Amino acid sequence: MLLGAGGTFAQSGFTITGRVPGVKDSTVIRLMNIEDEGRRGKLVTQGICLNGGFRLEGRVTSPTLCRVEILGTHAYEDGQSFQTETETCMMVENVPMTMEVAHLDSLPLTYEYGHSPLEKEMNATVSGGTEQTAYVAYRRALHDAELRTWRLDRMCLDLKFDKAGCVDSLPVWQARLRSMQQEVAERTDAFIRSHPQASISACLVEQKLKKPFTLSADEIDAWVTCVQGTPDTVRLSRIRELAEAAKVYATGQPFKDFVLTDTLKQALPLSKVRRAGVYTLVDFWASWCGPCRASIPHLKGLYEAQSGRLDIISVSVDRKEADWLRAMREEQMPWRQYTVSPEVSKQLDDLYQLHSIPFLLLLDPDGRIVVGTHSPDEVDAALL
């Protein structure tokens, strides 16, 4: 038996019970809310396994996307140990739920080098409640497409660092990856529209609203309308608040101006730097940012392929001018280079939700925002 951290179980709460052959007595098992803290998760309740069985108890305010983790310890070849966690995701609501699995080893880990939890995701069966039934339908609709996407992404990553000289095939695999990513997005949208009352659909809409510069104001309203019939009123209230905030960072609106500084230390607003009549890609980067510099070859290829149609402006957030200038010389980017002052850098947090880099902001020929993203592939797709 496993006793939840919350103590005595309330009649209005949930129970999750199950058996996991192969698990040792006293192994810690925990339930993590993976909506609040992303992949890391926030602890809901935990306990220990006995006689290969477990029981988790607690209460959620509304149906919540969670992950059951069974903790383990593994050792490297040098004898140093590290903690692992299995991953079984579910939509928890305040009803009795059960989890069935053939063996502990058949469960995916939250992280395993060279592998994805998707590979073993379907090995566990979780049942109980209408919201979990809907979640299972969602995973069945998306699983194979997401797994193929992960495998294509791995292939592209391997080709990028291929030492046998096979990089010529990289664009072919990248095109396949973009196509598969588009299929995943289309399947997700189709599921939401066909299951508008499901909590997982409302959860997916909530995730959409948290991504700045990916939806227009009309699209934001349409998604809120789509799930407004959900009985999950707690989440719906949150979605409505998010929607109003998201409209500040909606696509289709004119860019918000800010001051740049060029290599001659001349201050100019973006409105004076942007060339009208062509697409403008504003690339926020820094000399110390590995992913930023790794994306530069991709941007060079895009710049060449879209010659005459696309202008690129790189904006460094480096604090030290010497670091910026050195990185520019090393990268040899054939487009204009600027930096911003620490004061302007702080303004960008509010103007564009610039909390991490690389960040790519694509403007149309009229200066309206097309997309804001961390991925050059999304810029490619927007320019097709």
Protein backbone atom coordinates (compact mmCIF):
# COMPACT_ATOMS: atom_id res chain seq x y z
CA MET A 1 0.00 0.00 0.00
CA LEU A 2 1.06 3.57 -0.63
CA LEU A 3 -0.24 6.43 1.49
CA GLY A 4 -0.49 9.85 -0.11
CA ALA A 5 1.32 12.78 1.45
CA GLY A 6 -2.00 14.49 2.02
CA GLY A 7 -2.96 12.08 4.83
CA THR A 8 -6.58 10.90 5.17
CA PHE A 9 -8.34 10.48 1.84
CA ALA A 10 -11.35 12.71 1.31
CA GLN A 11 -14.43 11.19 -0.33
CA SER A 12 -14.37 13.89 -3.01
CA GLY A 13 -10.77 13.16 -4.06
CA PHE A 14 -9.00 10.70 -6.36
CA THR A 15 -7.37 7.34 -5.83
CA ILE A 16 -4.85 5.83 -8.22
CA THR A 17 -4.12 2.15 -7.60
CA GLY A 18 -2.10 -0.39 -9.51
CA ARG A 19 0.46 -3.16 -9.59
CA VAL A 20 3.93 -2.89 -11.12
CA PRO A 21 5.71 -6.26 -11.27
CA GLY A 22 9.43 -5.82 -10.69
CA VAL A 23 9.24 -2.81 -8.40
CA LYS A 24 11.04 -3.15 -5.06
CA ASP A 25 9.41 -2.54 -1.69
CA SER A 26 9.82 0.99 -0.33
CA THR A 27 10.39 2.42 -3.83
CA VAL A 28 9.14 6.00 -3.90
CA ILE A 29 6.28 6.75 -6.30
CA ARG A 30 4.94 10.23 -6.84
CA LEU A 31 2.28 12.09 -8.77
CA MET A 32 3.46 15.28 -10.49
CA ASN A 33 1.30 18.06 -11.92
CA ILE A 34 2.99 18.72 -15.29
CA GLU A 35 0.84 21.73 -16.17
CA ASP A 36 2.18 24.14 -13.53
CA GLU A 37 5.92 23.51 -13.82
CA GLY A 38 6.34 22.10 -17.32
CA ARG A 39 8.31 18.91 -17.78
CA ARG A 40 9.75 19.07 -14.27
CA GLY A 41 6.34 19.06 -12.68
CA LYS A 42 4.96 20.04 -9.29
CA LEU A 43 4.41 17.43 -6.60
CA VAL A 44 0.77 16.52 -5.93
CA THR A 45 1.29 13.51 -3.64
CA GLN A 46 3.72 10.66 -3.09
CA GLY A 47 4.34 7.48 -1.12
CA ILE A 48 6.07 4.10 -1.32
CA CYS A 49 5.34 0.80 -3.05
CA LEU A 50 4.74 -2.41 -1.08
CA ASN A 51 4.34 -5.94 -2.44
CA GLY A 52 4.47 -4.65 -6.00
CA GLY A 53 1.39 -2.47 -5.49
CA PHE A 54 0.66 1.17 -4.87
CA ARG A 55 -2.14 3.52 -3.95
CA LEU A 56 -2.02 7.28 -4.36
CA GLU A 57 -4.66 9.53 -2.81
CA GLY A 58 -5.36 13.23 -3.05
CA ARG A 59 -7.57 15.87 -4.58
CA VAL A 60 -7.39 18.16 -7.62
CA THR A 61 -9.40 21.36 -8.06
CA SER A 62 -10.19 20.39 -11.65
CA PRO A 63 -9.05 17.64 -14.06
CA THR A 64 -5.26 17.97 -14.25
CA LEU A 65 -2.58 16.59 -16.57
CA CYS A 66 -0.23 14.62 -14.33
CA ARG A 67 2.63 12.14 -14.47
CA VAL A 68 3.13 9.10 -12.24
CA GLU A 69 6.84 8.63 -11.54
CA ILE A 70 8.43 5.55 -10.01
CA LEU A 71 11.88 6.53 -8.77
CA GLY A 72 14.95 4.37 -9.28
CA THR A 73 18.72 4.52 -8.99
CA HIS A 74 21.16 3.46 -11.69
CA ALA A 75 24.95 3.47 -11.76
CA TYR A 76 27.44 4.67 -14.36
CA GLU A 77 30.40 2.48 -15.28
CA ASP A 78 32.59 4.51 -12.92
CA GLY A 79 30.32 3.64 -10.02
CA GLN A 80 28.60 7.01 -9.67
CA SER A 81 24.84 6.74 -9.30
CA PHE A 82 22.02 8.81 -10.73
CA GLN A 83 18.26 8.95 -10.18
CA THR A 84 15.74 7.93 -12.83
CA GLU A 85 11.98 8.31 -12.96
CA THR A 86 9.46 6.39 -15.03
CA GLU A 87 6.84 8.38 -16.92
CA THR A 88 3.15 7.56 -17.15
CA CYS A 89 0.94 10.53 -18.01
CA MET A 90 -2.77 10.74 -17.29
CA MET A 91 -5.66 13.16 -16.82
CA VAL A 92 -6.40 13.00 -13.10
CA GLU A 93 -9.87 13.83 -11.83
CA ASN A 94 -11.50 13.12 -8.48
CA VAL A 95 -12.53 9.53 -9.20
CA PRO A 96 -11.03 6.08 -8.63
CA MET A 97 -8.35 5.35 -11.24
CA THR A 98 -6.20 2.30 -12.01
CA MET A 99 -2.84 1.79 -13.69
CA GLU A 100 -1.80 -1.53 -15.22
CA VAL A 101 1.62 -2.46 -16.61
CA ALA A 102 3.32 -5.76 -17.45
CA HIS A 103 6.62 -4.95 -15.71
CA LEU A 104 8.56 -1.99 -14.35
CA ASP A 105 11.09 -2.30 -17.19
CA SER A 106 8.35 -1.77 -19.78
CA LEU A 107 7.68 1.77 -18.53
CA PRO A 108 9.41 4.72 -20.24
CA LEU A 109 11.83 6.95 -18.36
CA THR A 110 11.42 10.72 -18.23
CA TYR A 111 14.92 10.91 -19.75
CA GLU A 112 17.03 8.22 -21.37
CA TYR A 113 19.83 9.13 -23.76
CA GLY A 114 18.96 8.24 -27.34
CA HIS A 115 15.38 7.35 -26.47
CA SER A 116 12.02 9.05 -26.07
CA PRO A 117 9.23 8.28 -23.57
CA LEU A 118 7.03 7.96 -26.66
CA GLU A 119 8.66 4.62 -27.50
CA LYS A 120 7.13 2.90 -24.45
CA GLU A 121 4.23 5.26 -23.75
CA MET A 122 1.50 2.82 -24.77
CA ASN A 123 2.79 0.02 -22.50
CA ALA A 124 0.84 1.31 -19.50
CA THR A 125 -2.96 1.29 -19.33
CA VAL A 126 -4.64 3.92 -17.17
CA SER A 127 -8.40 3.98 -16.73
CA GLY A 128 -11.02 5.72 -14.63
CA GLY A 129 -13.12 8.78 -15.34
CA THR A 130 -14.43 10.40 -18.51
CA GLU A 131 -11.50 12.81 -18.73
CA GLN A 132 -8.94 9.98 -18.74
CA THR A 133 -10.97 8.24 -21.46
CA ALA A 134 -10.71 11.41 -23.55
CA TYR A 135 -6.99 11.66 -22.80
CA VAL A 136 -6.43 8.09 -24.03
CA ALA A 137 -8.26 8.99 -27.25
CA TYR A 138 -6.00 12.03 -27.64
CA ARG A 139 -2.83 10.00 -27.19
CA ARG A 140 -4.02 7.37 -29.66
CA ALA A 141 -4.71 10.13 -32.19
CA LEU A 142 -1.27 11.72 -31.77
CA HIS A 143 1.14 9.02 -30.64
CA ASP A 144 2.37 7.60 -33.95
CA ALA A 145 2.78 11.04 -35.53
CA GLU A 146 4.70 12.36 -32.51
CA LEU A 147 6.94 9.29 -32.47
CA ARG A 148 7.73 9.67 -36.18
CA THR A 149 8.46 13.36 -35.58
CA TRP A 150 10.89 12.51 -32.80
CA ARG A 151 12.68 9.95 -34.99
CA LEU A 152 12.98 12.44 -37.86
CA ASP A 153 14.32 15.06 -35.47
CA ARG A 154 16.94 12.57 -34.26
CA MET A 155 17.89 11.82 -37.87
CA CYS A 156 18.34 15.54 -38.62
CA LEU A 157 20.43 15.99 -35.49
CA ASP A 158 22.65 13.04 -36.44
CA LEU A 159 23.11 14.39 -39.96
CA LYS A 160 24.10 17.82 -38.68
CA PHE A 161 27.07 16.24 -36.91
CA ASP A 162 27.72 13.52 -39.48
CA LYS A 163 31.47 13.14 -40.01
CA ALA A 164 31.11 10.86 -43.03
CA GLY A 165 30.11 13.70 -45.31
CA CYS A 166 26.40 12.87 -45.68
CA VAL A 167 25.15 16.35 -44.82
CA ASP A 168 23.84 16.83 -48.38
CA SER A 169 20.79 14.78 -47.41
CA LEU A 170 20.04 17.02 -44.42
CA PRO A 171 17.63 19.38 -46.28
CA VAL A 172 15.62 16.37 -47.45
CA TRP A 173 15.18 15.07 -43.91
CA GLN A 174 14.48 18.56 -42.58
CA ALA A 175 11.66 18.91 -45.12
CA ARG A 176 10.24 15.59 -43.94
CA LEU A 177 10.50 16.75 -40.35
CA ARG A 178 8.62 19.99 -41.09
CA SER A 179 5.90 18.01 -42.85
CA MET A 180 5.57 15.67 -39.88
CA GLN A 181 5.48 18.58 -37.41
CA GLN A 182 2.68 20.10 -39.46
CA GLU A 183 0.79 16.81 -39.32
CA VAL A 184 1.12 16.73 -35.53
CA ALA A 185 -0.25 20.29 -35.33
CA GLU A 186 -3.15 19.43 -37.64
CA ARG A 187 -4.01 16.27 -35.70
CA THR A 188 -3.94 18.22 -32.44
CA ASP A 189 -6.29 20.88 -33.79
CA ALA A 190 -8.59 18.23 -35.24
CA PHE A 191 -8.78 16.46 -31.89
CA ILE A 192 -9.64 19.66 -30.03
CA ARG A 193 -12.41 20.49 -32.51
CA SER A 194 -13.87 16.97 -32.34
CA HIS A 195 -13.66 16.81 -28.49
CA PRO A 196 -14.46 20.41 -27.47
CA GLN A 197 -15.79 19.48 -24.02
CA ALA A 198 -12.80 17.36 -22.96
CA SER A 199 -10.48 18.78 -20.33
CA ILE A 200 -7.43 17.71 -22.37
CA SER A 201 -8.74 19.83 -25.27
CA ALA A 202 -9.09 22.84 -22.98
CA CYS A 203 -5.59 22.08 -21.64
CA LEU A 204 -4.21 22.09 -25.20
CA VAL A 205 -5.91 25.41 -25.94
CA GLU A 206 -4.42 26.79 -22.74
CA GLN A 207 -0.96 25.73 -23.95
CA LYS A 208 -1.56 27.49 -27.27
CA LEU A 209 -2.45 30.73 -25.52
CA LYS A 210 0.81 30.69 -23.56
CA LYS A 211 2.93 30.89 -26.73
CA PRO A 212 3.35 34.54 -27.82
CA PHE A 213 3.17 35.52 -31.49
CA THR A 214 1.74 32.24 -32.76
CA LEU A 215 -1.98 33.13 -32.99
CA SER A 216 -3.89 36.09 -34.36
CA ALA A 217 -6.56 37.82 -32.24
CA ASP A 218 -9.28 36.12 -34.30
CA GLU A 219 -7.65 32.71 -33.81
CA ILE A 220 -7.44 33.31 -30.07
CA ASP A 221 -11.17 34.08 -29.94
CA ALA A 222 -11.98 31.05 -32.09
CA TRP A 223 -10.12 28.64 -29.79
CA VAL A 224 -11.79 30.06 -26.69
CA THR A 225 -15.18 29.69 -28.36
CA CYS A 226 -14.35 26.13 -29.36
CA VAL A 227 -13.89 24.92 -25.76
CA GLN A 228 -16.37 27.21 -24.00
CA GLY A 229 -18.74 24.27 -23.45
CA THR A 230 -16.28 22.36 -21.26
CA PRO A 231 -17.60 21.46 -17.80
CA ASP A 232 -14.11 22.28 -16.49
CA THR A 233 -15.13 25.77 -15.37
CA VAL A 234 -11.95 26.33 -13.37
CA ARG A 235 -9.81 25.88 -16.48
CA LEU A 236 -12.25 27.80 -18.68
CA SER A 237 -12.00 30.85 -16.40
CA ARG A 238 -8.20 30.62 -16.65
CA ILE A 239 -8.38 30.32 -20.44
CA ARG A 240 -10.48 33.48 -20.73
CA GLU A 241 -7.95 35.43 -18.70
CA LEU A 242 -5.08 34.03 -20.75
CA ALA A 243 -6.85 34.94 -23.98
CA GLU A 244 -7.03 38.61 -23.09
CA ALA A 245 -3.34 38.63 -22.15
CA ALA A 246 -2.42 36.70 -25.31
CA LYS A 247 -3.97 39.32 -27.57
CA VAL A 248 -1.21 41.73 -26.55
CA TYR A 249 1.21 39.34 -28.25
CA ALA A 250 -1.00 38.30 -31.18
CA THR A 251 0.25 37.96 -34.73
CA GLY A 252 -1.01 40.32 -37.39
CA GLN A 253 -0.42 43.46 -35.35
CA PRO A 254 2.24 46.09 -36.15
CA PHE A 255 5.63 45.55 -34.53
CA LYS A 256 6.46 47.55 -31.42
CA ASP A 257 9.39 49.91 -31.93
CA PHE A 258 12.61 49.93 -29.92
CA VAL A 259 16.07 51.49 -30.22
CA LEU A 260 19.01 49.66 -31.78
CA THR A 261 22.68 50.57 -31.72
CA ASP A 262 24.83 49.86 -34.77
CA THR A 263 28.55 49.03 -34.98
CA LEU A 264 29.35 52.75 -35.15
CA LYS A 265 27.42 53.30 -31.89
CA GLN A 266 24.67 55.19 -33.67
CA ALA A 267 21.22 54.77 -32.09
CA LEU A 268 18.35 54.08 -34.50
CA PRO A 269 14.78 52.86 -33.97
CA LEU A 270 13.77 49.62 -35.66
CA SER A 271 11.22 51.61 -37.69
CA LYS A 272 14.13 53.42 -39.40
CA VAL A 273 16.19 50.28 -39.87
CA ARG A 274 13.48 48.03 -41.31
CA ARG A 275 13.25 47.98 -45.09
CA ALA A 276 9.69 48.39 -46.30
CA GLY A 277 8.35 46.10 -48.99
CA VAL A 278 10.20 42.92 -47.90
CA TYR A 279 9.94 40.47 -45.05
CA THR A 280 12.19 41.32 -42.09
CA LEU A 281 13.58 38.71 -39.73
CA VAL A 282 14.83 40.16 -36.45
CA ASP A 283 17.26 37.65 -34.94
CA PHE A 284 17.87 38.17 -31.20
CA TRP A 285 21.09 36.41 -30.22
CA ALA A 286 24.29 36.65 -28.14
CA SER A 287 27.90 35.52 -28.46
CA TRP A 288 27.55 33.18 -25.46
CA CYS A 289 24.38 31.50 -26.72
CA GLY A 290 25.26 28.13 -28.27
CA PRO A 291 21.84 27.50 -29.89
CA CYS A 292 21.92 31.03 -31.35
CA ARG A 293 25.22 30.45 -33.08
CA ALA A 294 24.26 26.94 -34.12
CA SER A 295 21.26 28.39 -36.00
CA ILE A 296 23.33 30.91 -38.00
CA PRO A 297 24.16 28.50 -40.86
CA HIS A 298 20.43 27.85 -41.20
CA LEU A 299 19.74 31.58 -41.35
CA LYS A 300 22.48 32.04 -43.95
CA GLY A 301 20.82 29.43 -46.14
CA LEU A 302 17.44 31.08 -45.66
CA TYR A 303 18.88 34.50 -46.46
CA GLU A 304 20.35 33.21 -49.69
CA ALA A 305 17.25 31.26 -50.71
CA GLN A 306 14.97 34.26 -50.02
CA SER A 307 17.27 36.86 -51.58
CA GLY A 308 15.33 39.98 -52.50
CA ARG A 309 12.33 38.86 -50.46
CA LEU A 310 13.83 38.66 -46.97
CA ASP A 311 16.02 41.01 -44.98
CA ILE A 312 17.65 39.86 -41.74
CA ILE A 313 18.65 42.08 -38.84
CA SER A 314 20.67 40.53 -36.03
CA VAL A 315 20.23 42.10 -32.60
CA SER A 316 22.74 41.08 -29.95
CA VAL A 317 21.87 41.19 -26.26
CA ASP A 318 25.54 40.87 -25.27
CA ARG A 319 26.52 43.04 -22.32
CA LYS A 320 30.16 43.32 -23.46
CA GLU A 321 30.78 45.05 -26.78
CA ALA A 322 34.06 43.15 -27.31
CA ASP A 323 32.25 39.80 -27.11
CA TRP A 324 29.67 40.94 -29.65
CA LEU A 325 32.27 42.26 -32.10
CA ARG A 326 34.40 39.14 -31.82
CA ALA A 327 31.42 36.84 -32.47
CA MET A 328 30.42 38.93 -35.49
CA ARG A 329 33.89 38.51 -37.00
CA GLU A 330 33.80 34.79 -36.35
CA GLU A 331 30.34 34.20 -37.79
CA GLN A 332 30.64 36.47 -40.85
CA MET A 333 26.92 37.12 -41.19
CA PRO A 334 26.17 38.94 -44.48
CA TRP A 335 23.37 41.10 -43.03
CA ARG A 336 23.23 44.13 -40.75
CA GLN A 337 24.27 43.84 -37.11
CA TYR A 338 22.98 45.74 -34.09
CA THR A 339 22.97 45.55 -30.33
CA VAL A 340 20.75 46.97 -27.59
CA SER A 341 21.46 48.69 -24.30
CA PRO A 342 20.63 46.94 -21.00
CA GLU A 343 17.67 49.32 -20.62
CA VAL A 344 16.26 48.38 -24.02
CA SER A 345 16.90 44.71 -23.30
CA LYS A 346 14.58 45.01 -20.30
CA GLN A 347 11.96 46.72 -22.47
CA LEU A 348 12.05 43.77 -24.87
CA ASP A 349 10.81 41.48 -22.09
CA ASP A 350 7.54 43.42 -22.07
CA LEU A 351 7.37 44.23 -25.77
CA TYR A 352 8.07 40.74 -27.08
CA GLN A 353 8.16 38.36 -24.11
CA LEU A 354 11.89 38.03 -24.81
CA HIS A 355 12.80 35.70 -21.95
CA SER A 356 15.18 33.41 -23.85
CA ILE A 357 17.22 33.31 -27.03
CA PRO A 358 17.51 32.62 -29.88
CA PHE A 359 14.28 34.47 -30.62
CA LEU A 360 13.27 35.10 -34.22
CA LEU A 361 10.65 37.74 -35.01
CA LEU A 362 9.33 37.70 -38.58
CA LEU A 363 7.66 40.84 -39.93
CA ASP A 364 5.72 41.01 -43.19
CA PRO A 365 6.43 43.70 -45.83
CA ASP A 366 3.99 46.03 -44.04
CA GLY A 367 5.69 45.59 -40.68
CA ARG A 368 3.08 43.28 -39.15
CA ILE A 369 4.15 40.35 -37.00
CA VAL A 370 3.94 37.00 -38.79
CA VAL A 371 5.47 34.79 -36.10
CA GLY A 372 7.76 34.91 -33.08
CA THR A 373 9.67 31.70 -32.41
CA HIS A 374 12.84 30.05 -31.16
CA SER A 375 12.93 27.75 -34.20
CA PRO A 376 14.31 28.67 -37.65
CA ASP A 377 12.13 25.87 -39.06
CA GLU A 378 9.01 27.81 -38.08
CA VAL A 379 10.34 30.83 -39.97
CA ASP A 380 10.90 28.60 -43.00
CA ALA A 381 7.30 27.38 -42.79
CA ALA A 382 5.95 30.93 -42.45
CA LEU A 383 7.79 32.02 -45.61
CA LEU A 384 6.52 29.16 -47.78
